């Protein structure tokens, strides 16, 4: 399972991109990984994070 979120801690802030990856076995979470990256002010290309 993967979840991609845009975490904004306060109004007006760019926030962070957060990805959580979870491996489930027999209905239980057996592994969890995450990565967090601040949303940049400008992008190197026309694709945004969101």
PDB file of N, CA and C in Angstrom:
ATOM      1  N   UNK A   1       0.853  -1.160   0.000  1.00  0.00           N
ATOM      2  CA  UNK A   1       0.000   0.000   0.000  1.00  0.00           C
ATOM      3  C   UNK A   1       0.897   1.220   0.000  1.00  0.00           C
ATOM      4  N   UNK A   2       0.496   2.257  -0.717  1.00  0.00           N
ATOM      5  CA  UNK A   2       1.253   3.505  -0.766  1.00  0.00           C
ATOM      6  C   UNK A   2       0.307   4.682  -0.564  1.00  0.00           C
ATOM      7  N   UNK A   3       0.770   5.668   0.187  1.00  0.00           N
ATOM      8  CA  UNK A   3      -0.008   6.889   0.422  1.00  0.00           C
ATOM      9  C   UNK A   3       0.905   8.073   0.121  1.00  0.00           C
ATOM     10  N   UNK A   4       0.439   8.985  -0.743  1.00  0.00           N
ATOM     11  CA  UNK A   4       1.187  10.192  -1.101  1.00  0.00           C
ATOM     12  C   UNK A   4       0.400  11.370  -0.551  1.00  0.00           C
ATOM     13  N   UNK A   5       1.011  12.156   0.342  1.00  0.00           N
ATOM     14  CA  UNK A   5       0.309  13.236   1.027  1.00  0.00           C
ATOM     15  C   UNK A   5       1.044  14.554   0.884  1.00  0.00           C
ATOM     16  N   UNK A   6       0.293  15.635   1.019  1.00  0.00           N
ATOM     17  CA  UNK A   6       0.860  16.980   1.051  1.00  0.00           C
ATOM     18  C   UNK A   6       0.607  17.519   2.450  1.00  0.00           C
ATOM     19  N   UNK A   7       1.636  17.560   3.272  1.00  0.00           N
ATOM     20  CA  UNK A   7       1.531  17.993   4.663  1.00  0.00           C
ATOM     21  C   UNK A   7       1.849  19.487   4.740  1.00  0.00           C
ATOM     22  N   UNK A   8       0.862  20.273   5.173  1.00  0.00           N
ATOM     23  CA  UNK A   8       1.044  21.719   5.326  1.00  0.00           C
ATOM     24  C   UNK A   8       0.836  22.035   6.810  1.00  0.00           C
ATOM     25  N   UNK A   9       1.923  22.333   7.546  1.00  0.00           N
ATOM     26  CA  UNK A   9       1.790  22.528   8.997  1.00  0.00           C
ATOM     27  C   UNK A   9       1.086  23.823   9.396  1.00  0.00           C
ATOM     28  N   UNK A  10       1.119  24.854   8.532  1.00  0.00           N
ATOM     29  CA  UNK A  10       0.475  26.123   8.847  1.00  0.00           C
ATOM     30  C   UNK A  10       0.054  26.810   7.547  1.00  0.00           C
ATOM     31  N   UNK A  11      -1.025  27.559   7.570  1.00  0.00           N
ATOM     32  CA  UNK A  11      -1.472  28.255   6.368  1.00  0.00           C
ATOM     33  C   UNK A  11      -0.363  29.137   5.790  1.00  0.00           C
ATOM     34  N   UNK A  12      -0.248  29.131   4.463  1.00  0.00           N
ATOM     35  CA  UNK A  12       0.747  29.959   3.792  1.00  0.00           C
ATOM     36  C   UNK A  12       2.091  29.283   3.583  1.00  0.00           C
ATOM     37  N   UNK A  13       2.329  28.134   4.207  1.00  0.00           N
ATOM     38  CA  UNK A  13       3.584  27.411   4.016  1.00  0.00           C
ATOM     39  C   UNK A  13       3.454  26.462   2.834  1.00  0.00           C
ATOM     40  N   UNK A  14       4.576  26.201   2.135  1.00  0.00           N
ATOM     41  CA  UNK A  14       4.556  25.268   1.003  1.00  0.00           C
ATOM     42  C   UNK A  14       4.369  23.835   1.467  1.00  0.00           C
ATOM     43  N   UNK A  15       4.903  23.502   2.611  1.00  0.00           N
ATOM     44  CA  UNK A  15       4.718  22.178   3.180  1.00  0.00           C
ATOM     45  C   UNK A  15       5.708  21.149   2.661  1.00  0.00           C
ATOM     46  N   UNK A  16       5.373  19.894   2.861  1.00  0.00           N
ATOM     47  CA  UNK A  16       6.234  18.772   2.498  1.00  0.00           C
ATOM     48  C   UNK A  16       5.429  17.709   1.764  1.00  0.00           C
ATOM     49  N   UNK A  17       6.119  17.028   0.864  1.00  0.00           N
ATOM     50  CA  UNK A  17       5.552  15.856   0.211  1.00  0.00           C
ATOM     51  C   UNK A  17       5.942  14.650   1.061  1.00  0.00           C
ATOM     52  N   UNK A  18       4.977  13.819   1.390  1.00  0.00           N
ATOM     53  CA  UNK A  18       5.221  12.666   2.243  1.00  0.00           C
ATOM     54  C   UNK A  18       4.714  11.417   1.522  1.00  0.00           C
ATOM     55  N   UNK A  19       5.539  10.379   1.488  1.00  0.00           N
ATOM     56  CA  UNK A  19       5.132   9.101   0.926  1.00  0.00           C
ATOM     57  C   UNK A  19       5.321   8.039   2.007  1.00  0.00           C
ATOM     58  N   UNK A  20       4.252   7.317   2.283  1.00  0.00           N
ATOM     59  CA  UNK A  20       4.311   6.188   3.209  1.00  0.00           C
ATOM     60  C   UNK A  20       4.076   4.915   2.406  1.00  0.00           C
ATOM     61  N   UNK A  21       4.949   3.941   2.589  1.00  0.00           N
ATOM     62  CA  UNK A  21       4.822   2.639   1.957  1.00  0.00           C
ATOM     63  C   UNK A  21       4.650   1.603   3.067  1.00  0.00           C
ATOM     64  N   UNK A  22       3.644   0.757   2.922  1.00  0.00           N
ATOM     65  CA  UNK A  22       3.325  -0.219   3.958  1.00  0.00           C
ATOM     66  C   UNK A  22       3.175  -1.586   3.312  1.00  0.00           C
ATOM     67  N   UNK A  23       3.788  -2.589   3.907  1.00  0.00           N
ATOM     68  CA  UNK A  23       3.597  -3.972   3.458  1.00  0.00           C
ATOM     69  C   UNK A  23       2.703  -4.670   4.472  1.00  0.00           C
ATOM     70  N   UNK A  24       1.643  -5.268   3.965  1.00  0.00           N
ATOM     71  CA  UNK A  24       0.643  -5.930   4.810  1.00  0.00           C
ATOM     72  C   UNK A  24       0.680  -7.427   4.537  1.00  0.00           C
ATOM     73  N   UNK A  25       0.650  -8.197   5.597  1.00  0.00           N
ATOM     74  CA  UNK A  25       0.573  -9.660   5.477  1.00  0.00           C
ATOM     75  C   UNK A  25      -0.484 -10.150   6.461  1.00  0.00           C
ATOM     76  N   UNK A  26      -1.428 -10.936   5.951  1.00  0.00           N
ATOM     77  CA  UNK A  26      -2.504 -11.486   6.778  1.00  0.00           C
ATOM     78  C   UNK A  26      -3.250 -10.397   7.552  1.00  0.00           C
ATOM     79  N   UNK A  27      -3.472  -9.258   6.891  1.00  0.00           N
ATOM     80  CA  UNK A  27      -4.240  -8.181   7.498  1.00  0.00           C
ATOM     81  C   UNK A  27      -3.498  -7.343   8.518  1.00  0.00           C
ATOM     82  N   UNK A  28      -2.170  -7.549   8.649  1.00  0.00           N
ATOM     83  CA  UNK A  28      -1.391  -6.780   9.622  1.00  0.00           C
ATOM     84  C   UNK A  28      -0.227  -6.085   8.926  1.00  0.00           C
ATOM     85  N   UNK A  29       0.122  -4.905   9.398  1.00  0.00           N
ATOM     86  CA  UNK A  29       1.278  -4.187   8.871  1.00  0.00           C
ATOM     87  C   UNK A  29       2.535  -4.887   9.363  1.00  0.00           C
ATOM     88  N   UNK A  30       3.381  -5.323   8.429  1.00  0.00           N
ATOM     89  CA  UNK A  30       4.618  -6.003   8.812  1.00  0.00           C
ATOM     90  C   UNK A  30       5.856  -5.153   8.503  1.00  0.00           C
ATOM     91  N   UNK A  31       5.719  -4.169   7.611  1.00  0.00           N
ATOM     92  CA  UNK A  31       6.823  -3.253   7.334  1.00  0.00           C
ATOM     93  C   UNK A  31       6.260  -1.888   6.966  1.00  0.00           C
ATOM     94  N   UNK A  32       7.030  -0.833   7.292  1.00  0.00           N
ATOM     95  CA  UNK A  32       6.629   0.536   6.966  1.00  0.00           C
ATOM     96  C   UNK A  32       7.870   1.333   6.599  1.00  0.00           C
ATOM     97  N   UNK A  33       7.784   2.051   5.487  1.00  0.00           N
ATOM     98  CA  UNK A  33       8.851   2.961   5.074  1.00  0.00           C
ATOM     99  C   UNK A  33       8.201   4.308   4.800  1.00  0.00           C
ATOM    100  N   UNK A  34       8.961   5.372   4.973  1.00  0.00           N
ATOM    101  CA  UNK A  34       8.451   6.687   4.594  1.00  0.00           C
ATOM    102  C   UNK A  34       9.588   7.566   4.103  1.00  0.00           C
ATOM    103  N   UNK A  35       9.204   8.571   3.352  1.00  0.00           N
ATOM    104  CA  UNK A  35      10.156   9.560   2.857  1.00  0.00           C
ATOM    105  C   UNK A  35       9.442  10.907   2.863  1.00  0.00           C
ATOM    106  N   UNK A  36      10.181  11.954   3.238  1.00  0.00           N
ATOM    107  CA  UNK A  36       9.622  13.298   3.327  1.00  0.00           C
ATOM    108  C   UNK A  36      10.539  14.245   2.571  1.00  0.00           C
ATOM    109  N   UNK A  37       9.938  15.120   1.752  1.00  0.00           N
ATOM    110  CA  UNK A  37      10.711  16.117   1.018  1.00  0.00           C
ATOM    111  C   UNK A  37       9.958  17.437   1.054  1.00  0.00           C
ATOM    112  N   UNK A  38      10.653  18.510   1.371  1.00  0.00           N
ATOM    113  CA  UNK A  38      10.028  19.825   1.343  1.00  0.00           C
ATOM    114  C   UNK A  38       9.631  20.168  -0.084  1.00  0.00           C
ATOM    115  N   UNK A  39       8.467  20.802  -0.242  1.00  0.00           N
ATOM    116  CA  UNK A  39       8.027  21.234  -1.561  1.00  0.00           C
ATOM    117  C   UNK A  39       8.865  22.460  -1.945  1.00  0.00           C
ATOM    118  N   UNK A  40       9.583  22.391  -3.073  1.00  0.00           N
ATOM    119  CA  UNK A  40      10.451  23.521  -3.456  1.00  0.00           C
ATOM    120  C   UNK A  40       9.632  24.721  -3.921  1.00  0.00           C
ATOM    121  N   UNK A  41      10.236  25.887  -3.819  1.00  0.00           N
ATOM    122  CA  UNK A  41       9.578  27.120  -4.266  1.00  0.00           C
ATOM    123  C   UNK A  41       9.370  27.103  -5.777  1.00  0.00           C
ATOM    124  N   UNK A  42      10.378  26.611  -6.502  1.00  0.00           N
ATOM    125  CA  UNK A  42      10.256  26.493  -7.952  1.00  0.00           C
ATOM    126  C   UNK A  42      10.627  25.060  -8.356  1.00  0.00           C
ATOM    127  N   UNK A  43      10.067  24.629  -9.480  1.00  0.00           N
ATOM    128  CA  UNK A  43      10.327  23.291  -9.964  1.00  0.00           C
ATOM    129  C   UNK A  43      11.298  23.334 -11.151  1.00  0.00           C
ATOM    130  N   UNK A  44      12.118  22.318 -11.299  1.00  0.00           N
ATOM    131  CA  UNK A  44      13.069  22.251 -12.411  1.00  0.00           C
ATOM    132  C   UNK A  44      12.355  21.910 -13.718  1.00  0.00           C
ATOM    133  N   UNK A  45      11.084  21.488 -13.640  1.00  0.00           N
ATOM    134  CA  UNK A  45      10.316  21.175 -14.846  1.00  0.00           C
ATOM    135  C   UNK A  45       8.866  21.639 -14.643  1.00  0.00           C
ATOM    136  N   UNK A  46       8.016  21.372 -15.629  1.00  0.00           N
ATOM    137  CA  UNK A  46       6.623  21.822 -15.541  1.00  0.00           C
ATOM    138  C   UNK A  46       5.741  20.928 -14.686  1.00  0.00           C
ATOM    139  N   UNK A  47       6.265  19.809 -14.235  1.00  0.00           N
ATOM    140  CA  UNK A  47       5.502  18.895 -13.376  1.00  0.00           C
ATOM    141  C   UNK A  47       5.651  19.337 -11.924  1.00  0.00           C
ATOM    142  N   UNK A  48       4.553  19.435 -11.227  1.00  0.00           N
ATOM    143  CA  UNK A  48       4.617  19.763  -9.807  1.00  0.00           C
ATOM    144  C   UNK A  48       4.513  18.486  -8.987  1.00  0.00           C
ATOM    145  N   UNK A  49       4.759  18.565  -7.709  1.00  0.00           N
ATOM    146  CA  UNK A  49       4.652  17.383  -6.858  1.00  0.00           C
ATOM    147  C   UNK A  49       3.201  16.962  -6.662  1.00  0.00           C
ATOM    148  N   UNK A  50       2.284  17.901  -6.871  1.00  0.00           N
ATOM    149  CA  UNK A  50       0.867  17.611  -6.645  1.00  0.00           C
ATOM    150  C   UNK A  50       0.063  18.102  -7.803  1.00  0.00           C
TER     151      UNK A  50
END
